[in-house]
C-alpha atoms as a PDB file:
ATOM      1  CA  UNK A   1     -17.766 -96.757  29.335  1.00  0.00           C
ATOM      2  CA  UNK A   2     -16.746 -94.618  32.305  1.00  0.00           C
ATOM      3  CA  UNK A   3     -17.541 -90.928  32.430  1.00  0.00           C
ATOM      4  CA  UNK A   4     -14.570 -88.759  33.438  1.00  0.00           C
ATOM      5  CA  UNK A   5     -15.007 -86.353  36.373  1.00  0.00           C
ATOM      6  CA  UNK A   6     -16.359 -82.972  35.358  1.00  0.00           C
ATOM      7  CA  UNK A   7     -15.237 -79.592  36.714  1.00  0.00           C
ATOM      8  CA  UNK A   8     -14.307 -78.778  40.290  1.00  0.00           C
ATOM      9  CA  UNK A   9     -17.582 -79.497  42.060  1.00  0.00           C
ATOM     10  CA  UNK A  10     -17.836 -82.044  44.793  1.00  0.00           C
ATOM     11  CA  UNK A  11     -19.209 -85.446  43.767  1.00  0.00           C
ATOM     12  CA  UNK A  12     -22.979 -85.564  43.693  1.00  0.00           C
ATOM     13  CA  UNK A  13     -23.521 -81.789  43.799  1.00  0.00           C
ATOM     14  CA  UNK A  14     -25.199 -79.798  41.105  1.00  0.00           C
ATOM     15  CA  UNK A  15     -23.101 -77.191  39.378  1.00  0.00           C
ATOM     16  CA  UNK A  16     -24.001 -73.995  41.207  1.00  0.00           C
ATOM     17  CA  UNK A  17     -21.293 -71.810  39.645  1.00  0.00           C
ATOM     18  CA  UNK A  18     -22.755 -68.430  38.682  1.00  0.00           C
ATOM     19  CA  UNK A  19     -26.077 -68.933  40.489  1.00  0.00           C
ATOM     20  CA  UNK A  20     -27.443 -66.721  43.276  1.00  0.00           C
ATOM     21  CA  UNK A  21     -28.131 -68.178  46.731  1.00  0.00           C
ATOM     22  CA  UNK A  22     -29.043 -67.018  50.241  1.00  0.00           C
ATOM     23  CA  UNK A  23     -26.005 -68.786  51.728  1.00  0.00           C
ATOM     24  CA  UNK A  24     -22.691 -70.144  50.467  1.00  0.00           C
ATOM     25  CA  UNK A  25     -22.444 -73.952  50.569  1.00  0.00           C
ATOM     26  CA  UNK A  26     -19.229 -75.769  51.421  1.00  0.00           C
ATOM     27  CA  UNK A  27     -16.891 -76.036  48.452  1.00  0.00           C
ATOM     28  CA  UNK A  28     -17.941 -72.708  46.936  1.00  0.00           C
ATOM     29  CA  UNK A  29     -16.972 -69.071  47.306  1.00  0.00           C
ATOM     30  CA  UNK A  30     -18.712 -65.936  46.055  1.00  0.00           C
ATOM     31  CA  UNK A  31     -17.773 -62.897  43.979  1.00  0.00           C
ATOM     32  CA  UNK A  32     -20.770 -60.561  44.399  1.00  0.00           C
ATOM     33  CA  UNK A  33     -23.446 -59.810  46.965  1.00  0.00           C
ATOM     34  CA  UNK A  34     -26.695 -57.905  46.612  1.00  0.00           C
ATOM     35  CA  UNK A  35     -29.597 -56.938  48.852  1.00  0.00           C
ATOM     36  CA  UNK A  36     -32.694 -59.074  48.456  1.00  0.00           C
ATOM     37  CA  UNK A  37     -36.098 -59.608  49.993  1.00  0.00           C
ATOM     38  CA  UNK A  38     -36.301 -63.255  48.919  1.00  0.00           C
ATOM     39  CA  UNK A  39     -34.066 -64.847  51.578  1.00  0.00           C
ATOM     40  CA  UNK A  40     -36.336 -64.603  54.623  1.00  0.00           C
ATOM     41  CA  UNK A  41     -34.512 -63.088  57.585  1.00  0.00           C
ATOM     42  CA  UNK A  42     -31.290 -62.908  55.549  1.00  0.00           C
ATOM     43  CA  UNK A  43     -31.138 -59.640  53.668  1.00  0.00           C
ATOM     44  CA  UNK A  44     -28.448 -60.544  51.102  1.00  0.00           C
ATOM     45  CA  UNK A  45     -27.863 -63.123  48.421  1.00  0.00           C
ATOM     46  CA  UNK A  46     -24.516 -64.249  47.020  1.00  0.00           C
ATOM     47  CA  UNK A  47     -23.334 -65.144  43.523  1.00  0.00           C
ATOM     48  CA  UNK A  48     -21.733 -68.555  43.983  1.00  0.00           C
ATOM     49  CA  UNK A  49     -18.482 -69.486  42.295  1.00  0.00           C
ATOM     50  CA  UNK A  50     -16.516 -72.706  42.120  1.00  0.00           C
ATOM     51  CA  UNK A  51     -12.993 -71.901  43.333  1.00  0.00           C
ATOM     52  CA  UNK A  52     -10.353 -71.971  40.577  1.00  0.00           C
ATOM     53  CA  UNK A  53      -6.904 -70.424  40.324  1.00  0.00           C
ATOM     54  CA  UNK A  54      -7.104 -66.772  39.274  1.00  0.00           C
ATOM     55  CA  UNK A  55     -10.764 -66.239  40.261  1.00  0.00           C
ATOM     56  CA  UNK A  56     -11.436 -62.905  41.974  1.00  0.00           C
ATOM     57  CA  UNK A  57     -13.562 -63.717  45.039  1.00  0.00           C
ATOM     58  CA  UNK A  58     -14.933 -61.870  48.069  1.00  0.00           C
ATOM     59  CA  UNK A  59     -14.081 -64.727  50.436  1.00  0.00           C
ATOM     60  CA  UNK A  60     -11.177 -67.156  50.550  1.00  0.00           C
ATOM     61  CA  UNK A  61     -12.512 -70.733  50.729  1.00  0.00           C
ATOM     62  CA  UNK A  62     -11.029 -73.307  53.103  1.00  0.00           C
ATOM     63  CA  UNK A  63      -7.783 -74.744  51.744  1.00  0.00           C
ATOM     64  CA  UNK A  64      -7.110 -71.841  49.364  1.00  0.00           C
ATOM     65  CA  UNK A  65      -4.897 -68.771  49.581  1.00  0.00           C
ATOM     66  CA  UNK A  66      -4.542 -65.672  47.424  1.00  0.00           C
ATOM     67  CA  UNK A  67      -1.741 -63.939  45.546  1.00  0.00           C
ATOM     68  CA  UNK A  68      -3.250 -60.497  44.963  1.00  0.00           C
ATOM     69  CA  UNK A  69      -6.106 -58.269  46.084  1.00  0.00           C
ATOM     70  CA  UNK A  70      -7.997 -55.363  44.578  1.00  0.00           C
ATOM     71  CA  UNK A  71     -10.379 -52.717  45.821  1.00  0.00           C
ATOM     72  CA  UNK A  72     -14.028 -53.287  44.887  1.00  0.00           C
ATOM     73  CA  UNK A  73     -17.541 -52.361  45.914  1.00  0.00           C
ATOM     74  CA  UNK A  74     -19.224 -55.657  44.879  1.00  0.00           C
ATOM     75  CA  UNK A  75     -18.488 -57.516  48.143  1.00  0.00           C
ATOM     76  CA  UNK A  76     -20.895 -55.477  50.278  1.00  0.00           C
ATOM     77  CA  UNK A  77     -20.186 -54.921  53.949  1.00  0.00           C
ATOM     78  CA  UNK A  78     -17.738 -57.848  54.230  1.00  0.00           C
ATOM     79  CA  UNK A  79     -14.881 -55.673  53.044  1.00  0.00           C
ATOM     80  CA  UNK A  80     -13.656 -53.448  50.242  1.00  0.00           C
ATOM     81  CA  UNK A  81     -11.493 -56.118  48.566  1.00  0.00           C
ATOM     82  CA  UNK A  82     -11.605 -59.111  46.271  1.00  0.00           C
ATOM     83  CA  UNK A  83      -8.878 -61.770  46.449  1.00  0.00           C
ATOM     84  CA  UNK A  84      -7.328 -63.576  43.481  1.00  0.00           C
ATOM     85  CA  UNK A  85      -7.477 -67.221  44.481  1.00  0.00           C
ATOM     86  CA  UNK A  86      -4.459 -69.474  44.477  1.00  0.00           C
ATOM     87  CA  UNK A  87      -5.128 -73.182  45.058  1.00  0.00           C
END
């Protein structure tokens, strides 16, 4: 019996949606950033998100666009906006 594909993650990757990481891997975006002392020379960590239509994100992943933006303070120094993703 074949198992159908699950979610939007790339084949063979663990589901990282909602986890915090020191960098953003290919295929993911992020919706929050916070200062941290646990990432070595990097002083921030990111909350990873799997891109889906309608997700508010701080960065627009490759191959996606956006249809709206809103002011926010959760994206740190990268900018004062979040973008609503449109795939």
